[in-house]
N, C-alpha and C. Protein backbone atom coordinates (compact mmCIF):
# COMPACT_ATOMS: atom_id res chain seq x y z
N MET A 1 90.04 102.93 112.22
CA MET A 1 88.86 102.40 111.57
C MET A 1 88.90 100.88 111.58
N PRO A 2 87.75 100.26 111.79
CA PRO A 2 87.70 98.79 111.71
C PRO A 2 88.05 98.31 110.29
N LYS A 3 88.50 97.09 110.19
CA LYS A 3 88.91 96.53 108.89
C LYS A 3 87.80 96.61 107.85
N THR A 4 86.56 96.37 108.25
CA THR A 4 85.44 96.41 107.31
C THR A 4 85.30 97.78 106.67
N ILE A 5 85.39 98.82 107.47
CA ILE A 5 85.28 100.19 106.95
C ILE A 5 86.48 100.51 106.06
N SER A 6 87.67 100.16 106.51
CA SER A 6 88.87 100.41 105.69
C SER A 6 88.78 99.69 104.36
N ARG A 7 88.31 98.44 104.38
CA ARG A 7 88.16 97.68 103.13
C ARG A 7 87.15 98.37 102.20
N TYR A 8 86.03 98.81 102.75
CA TYR A 8 85.04 99.52 101.94
C TYR A 8 85.64 100.80 101.35
N LEU A 9 86.31 101.59 102.16
CA LEU A 9 86.85 102.87 101.69
C LEU A 9 87.89 102.68 100.59
N ARG A 10 88.70 101.63 100.69
CA ARG A 10 89.68 101.36 99.64
C ARG A 10 88.99 100.90 98.35
N ALA A 11 87.89 100.17 98.46
CA ALA A 11 87.27 99.51 97.31
C ALA A 11 86.14 100.29 96.65
N HIS A 12 85.50 101.21 97.37
CA HIS A 12 84.24 101.77 96.88
C HIS A 12 84.34 102.50 95.54
N HIS A 13 85.51 102.93 95.17
CA HIS A 13 85.66 103.70 93.93
C HIS A 13 85.93 102.83 92.71
N ASP A 14 86.48 101.62 92.93
CA ASP A 14 86.86 100.83 91.76
C ASP A 14 86.70 99.31 91.90
N ASP A 15 86.18 98.82 93.02
CA ASP A 15 85.98 97.39 93.22
C ASP A 15 84.62 97.17 93.90
N THR A 16 83.57 97.24 93.10
CA THR A 16 82.22 97.19 93.63
C THR A 16 81.95 95.92 94.43
N ALA A 17 82.40 94.76 93.94
CA ALA A 17 82.14 93.50 94.64
C ALA A 17 82.71 93.51 96.05
N THR A 18 83.94 93.99 96.21
CA THR A 18 84.55 94.06 97.54
C THR A 18 83.82 95.07 98.41
N ALA A 19 83.44 96.20 97.84
CA ALA A 19 82.73 97.23 98.60
C ALA A 19 81.38 96.71 99.08
N VAL A 20 80.62 96.05 98.23
CA VAL A 20 79.30 95.53 98.60
C VAL A 20 79.44 94.45 99.69
N ALA A 21 80.49 93.66 99.63
CA ALA A 21 80.71 92.61 100.63
C ALA A 21 80.95 93.16 102.03
N ALA A 22 81.23 94.43 102.16
CA ALA A 22 81.44 95.04 103.47
C ALA A 22 80.12 95.36 104.18
N PHE A 23 78.99 95.23 103.48
CA PHE A 23 77.67 95.58 104.02
C PHE A 23 76.89 94.34 104.46
N THR A 24 75.99 94.52 105.44
CA THR A 24 75.03 93.48 105.77
C THR A 24 74.06 93.34 104.60
N SER A 25 73.36 92.23 104.51
CA SER A 25 72.45 92.02 103.38
C SER A 25 71.28 92.99 103.38
N ASP A 26 70.93 93.54 104.55
CA ASP A 26 69.81 94.47 104.64
C ASP A 26 70.26 95.91 104.91
N ALA A 27 71.50 96.20 104.60
CA ALA A 27 72.08 97.52 104.88
C ALA A 27 71.36 98.64 104.13
N THR A 28 71.53 99.86 104.63
CA THR A 28 71.04 101.04 103.93
C THR A 28 72.18 102.04 103.76
N VAL A 29 72.12 102.74 102.63
CA VAL A 29 73.05 103.84 102.35
C VAL A 29 72.20 105.05 102.02
N THR A 30 72.51 106.17 102.65
CA THR A 30 71.86 107.44 102.31
C THR A 30 72.94 108.36 101.78
N ASP A 31 72.74 108.82 100.54
CA ASP A 31 73.70 109.69 99.88
C ASP A 31 72.94 110.67 99.01
N ASP A 32 73.28 111.93 99.10
CA ASP A 32 72.68 112.97 98.28
C ASP A 32 71.15 112.97 98.40
N GLY A 33 70.66 112.72 99.62
CA GLY A 33 69.22 112.77 99.88
C GLY A 33 68.44 111.53 99.46
N ARG A 34 69.12 110.52 98.95
CA ARG A 34 68.44 109.28 98.53
C ARG A 34 68.92 108.12 99.39
N THR A 35 68.01 107.18 99.65
CA THR A 35 68.35 106.01 100.44
C THR A 35 68.28 104.76 99.58
N TYR A 36 69.29 103.91 99.73
CA TYR A 36 69.41 102.66 98.99
C TYR A 36 69.40 101.52 100.00
N GLN A 37 68.51 100.55 99.82
CA GLN A 37 68.33 99.46 100.78
C GLN A 37 68.68 98.13 100.14
N GLY A 38 69.53 97.35 100.79
CA GLY A 38 69.87 96.02 100.33
C GLY A 38 71.05 96.01 99.37
N ALA A 39 71.63 94.82 99.22
CA ALA A 39 72.86 94.66 98.44
C ALA A 39 72.71 95.09 96.98
N ALA A 40 71.60 94.72 96.34
CA ALA A 40 71.43 95.07 94.92
C ALA A 40 71.35 96.58 94.72
N ALA A 41 70.59 97.26 95.56
CA ALA A 41 70.47 98.72 95.45
C ALA A 41 71.80 99.40 95.75
N ILE A 42 72.53 98.90 96.74
CA ILE A 42 73.83 99.48 97.08
C ILE A 42 74.82 99.27 95.95
N GLU A 43 74.79 98.10 95.33
CA GLU A 43 75.66 97.84 94.19
C GLU A 43 75.37 98.80 93.03
N GLN A 44 74.10 99.04 92.74
CA GLN A 44 73.74 99.99 91.68
C GLN A 44 74.21 101.39 92.03
N TRP A 45 74.04 101.79 93.27
CA TRP A 45 74.50 103.10 93.71
C TRP A 45 76.01 103.23 93.54
N LEU A 46 76.76 102.21 93.97
CA LEU A 46 78.23 102.25 93.83
C LEU A 46 78.64 102.34 92.37
N ASN A 47 78.02 101.55 91.51
CA ASN A 47 78.36 101.58 90.08
C ASN A 47 78.07 102.95 89.47
N ARG A 48 76.93 103.54 89.82
CA ARG A 48 76.58 104.85 89.29
C ARG A 48 77.52 105.93 89.82
N SER A 49 77.78 105.93 91.12
CA SER A 49 78.61 107.00 91.69
C SER A 49 80.07 106.89 91.24
N ALA A 50 80.51 105.69 90.89
CA ALA A 50 81.90 105.52 90.42
C ALA A 50 82.10 106.07 89.01
N THR A 51 81.02 106.19 88.23
CA THR A 51 81.16 106.61 86.84
C THR A 51 80.54 107.98 86.55
N GLU A 52 79.73 108.49 87.47
CA GLU A 52 79.01 109.74 87.23
C GLU A 52 79.95 110.95 87.12
N PHE A 53 80.96 111.01 87.98
CA PHE A 53 81.90 112.13 87.99
C PHE A 53 83.32 111.58 88.15
N THR A 54 84.29 112.40 87.77
CA THR A 54 85.69 112.09 88.01
C THR A 54 86.14 112.96 89.17
N TYR A 55 86.76 112.34 90.18
CA TYR A 55 87.17 113.12 91.34
C TYR A 55 88.28 112.40 92.10
N THR A 56 88.97 113.18 92.91
CA THR A 56 89.94 112.62 93.85
C THR A 56 89.30 112.65 95.23
N ILE A 57 89.72 111.73 96.08
CA ILE A 57 89.17 111.66 97.42
C ILE A 57 90.30 111.46 98.41
N GLU A 58 90.29 112.24 99.47
CA GLU A 58 91.34 112.17 100.48
C GLU A 58 90.70 112.10 101.86
N LEU A 59 91.07 111.09 102.64
CA LEU A 59 90.62 110.97 104.02
C LEU A 59 91.30 112.06 104.84
N THR A 60 90.51 112.90 105.51
CA THR A 60 91.09 114.00 106.29
C THR A 60 90.91 113.81 107.79
N GLU A 61 89.95 112.96 108.19
CA GLU A 61 89.72 112.73 109.62
C GLU A 61 88.95 111.44 109.80
N ALA A 62 89.23 110.73 110.89
CA ALA A 62 88.49 109.51 111.22
C ALA A 62 88.33 109.43 112.73
N GLN A 63 87.13 109.05 113.16
CA GLN A 63 86.91 108.94 114.59
C GLN A 63 85.85 107.88 114.90
N GLN A 64 85.97 107.30 116.08
CA GLN A 64 84.97 106.38 116.59
C GLN A 64 84.12 107.16 117.57
N THR A 65 82.79 107.14 117.37
CA THR A 65 81.91 107.90 118.26
C THR A 65 81.32 107.04 119.37
N ASP A 66 81.25 105.73 119.17
CA ASP A 66 80.89 104.76 120.19
C ASP A 66 81.27 103.38 119.66
N PRO A 67 80.99 102.30 120.37
CA PRO A 67 81.50 100.99 119.94
C PRO A 67 81.11 100.53 118.53
N THR A 68 80.02 101.03 117.98
CA THR A 68 79.59 100.58 116.65
C THR A 68 79.42 101.70 115.64
N HIS A 69 79.83 102.92 115.99
CA HIS A 69 79.64 104.07 115.09
C HIS A 69 80.96 104.79 114.84
N TYR A 70 81.20 105.09 113.56
CA TYR A 70 82.44 105.71 113.13
C TYR A 70 82.13 106.80 112.11
N VAL A 71 82.97 107.83 112.07
CA VAL A 71 82.83 108.90 111.09
C VAL A 71 84.17 109.09 110.38
N ALA A 72 84.12 109.07 109.06
CA ALA A 72 85.31 109.32 108.24
C ALA A 72 85.00 110.54 107.37
N THR A 73 85.80 111.59 107.50
CA THR A 73 85.60 112.79 106.70
C THR A 73 86.57 112.75 105.52
N HIS A 74 86.01 113.01 104.34
CA HIS A 74 86.79 112.98 103.11
C HIS A 74 86.67 114.33 102.39
N HIS A 75 87.77 114.72 101.76
CA HIS A 75 87.77 115.90 100.90
C HIS A 75 87.77 115.41 99.46
N LEU A 76 86.77 115.84 98.68
CA LEU A 76 86.66 115.45 97.28
C LEU A 76 86.87 116.67 96.40
N GLU A 77 87.60 116.48 95.30
CA GLU A 77 87.75 117.51 94.27
C GLU A 77 87.54 116.84 92.93
N GLY A 78 86.72 117.50 92.07
CA GLY A 78 86.46 116.89 90.77
C GLY A 78 85.55 117.71 89.90
N ASN A 79 84.94 117.03 88.92
CA ASN A 79 84.10 117.73 87.94
C ASN A 79 82.62 117.68 88.28
N PHE A 80 82.29 117.55 89.55
CA PHE A 80 80.90 117.60 90.00
C PHE A 80 80.54 119.05 90.33
N PRO A 81 79.25 119.38 90.45
CA PRO A 81 78.86 120.76 90.75
C PRO A 81 79.56 121.28 92.02
N GLY A 82 80.18 122.42 91.93
CA GLY A 82 80.90 123.01 93.04
C GLY A 82 82.39 122.71 93.04
N GLY A 83 82.78 121.58 92.47
CA GLY A 83 84.19 121.26 92.30
C GLY A 83 84.93 120.69 93.49
N SER A 84 84.51 121.03 94.71
CA SER A 84 85.14 120.45 95.90
C SER A 84 84.14 120.43 97.05
N VAL A 85 84.30 119.44 97.91
CA VAL A 85 83.39 119.31 99.05
C VAL A 85 84.05 118.42 100.10
N ASP A 86 83.72 118.67 101.35
CA ASP A 86 84.09 117.78 102.44
C ASP A 86 82.85 117.00 102.84
N LEU A 87 82.95 115.68 102.82
CA LEU A 87 81.81 114.82 103.14
C LEU A 87 82.12 113.97 104.36
N ARG A 88 81.09 113.81 105.20
CA ARG A 88 81.19 112.93 106.38
C ARG A 88 80.52 111.61 106.03
N TYR A 89 81.27 110.54 106.13
CA TYR A 89 80.77 109.18 105.94
C TYR A 89 80.51 108.63 107.34
N GLN A 90 79.23 108.48 107.70
CA GLN A 90 78.86 108.03 109.03
C GLN A 90 78.46 106.56 108.96
N PHE A 91 79.24 105.71 109.61
CA PHE A 91 79.07 104.27 109.54
C PHE A 91 78.45 103.73 110.83
N SER A 92 77.51 102.79 110.69
CA SER A 92 77.00 102.00 111.81
C SER A 92 77.31 100.54 111.47
N LEU A 93 77.90 99.83 112.43
CA LEU A 93 78.28 98.44 112.20
C LEU A 93 77.38 97.48 112.96
N ARG A 94 77.22 96.29 112.38
CA ARG A 94 76.54 95.17 113.05
C ARG A 94 77.28 93.91 112.64
N ASP A 95 77.70 93.13 113.60
CA ASP A 95 78.42 91.88 113.34
C ASP A 95 79.61 92.11 112.40
N ASP A 96 80.36 93.17 112.65
CA ASP A 96 81.56 93.51 111.88
C ASP A 96 81.29 93.83 110.41
N LEU A 97 80.07 94.17 110.06
CA LEU A 97 79.72 94.62 108.71
C LEU A 97 79.02 95.96 108.81
N ILE A 98 79.00 96.69 107.70
CA ILE A 98 78.33 98.00 107.68
C ILE A 98 76.83 97.79 107.55
N GLU A 99 76.10 98.26 108.55
CA GLU A 99 74.64 98.15 108.54
C GLU A 99 74.00 99.41 107.95
N ARG A 100 74.68 100.53 108.17
CA ARG A 100 74.14 101.81 107.70
C ARG A 100 75.29 102.75 107.37
N LEU A 101 75.16 103.45 106.26
CA LEU A 101 76.12 104.48 105.87
C LEU A 101 75.33 105.71 105.45
N VAL A 102 75.65 106.83 106.07
CA VAL A 102 75.05 108.11 105.70
C VAL A 102 76.18 109.03 105.27
N ILE A 103 76.06 109.56 104.05
CA ILE A 103 77.08 110.47 103.51
C ILE A 103 76.43 111.84 103.37
N GLU A 104 77.05 112.84 104.02
CA GLU A 104 76.51 114.20 103.96
C GLU A 104 77.61 115.22 104.20
N PRO A 105 77.38 116.44 103.71
CA PRO A 105 78.37 117.51 103.93
C PRO A 105 78.50 117.86 105.41
């Protein structure tokens, strides 16, 4: 994984400022059927998702699909509906920053 993605993955659960800094200013995140555009919306999404549920997250697979696209699969277990899920974090990069992130099962 590129350093930007690794930095985001380490920070997204407990260091919102570092996680947001990994994105372009006009980035989009799609998670749970909702899309968040721009740094302010992404910051709100990170703050909400960090406190909404308690869970553990484990990286189970990582791959580069082309020069600017990467997929990181994570296994989550916690107190959210269903209790466990495998999620694919699909990253698109621009100028070494995350331009787009789509999270889906």
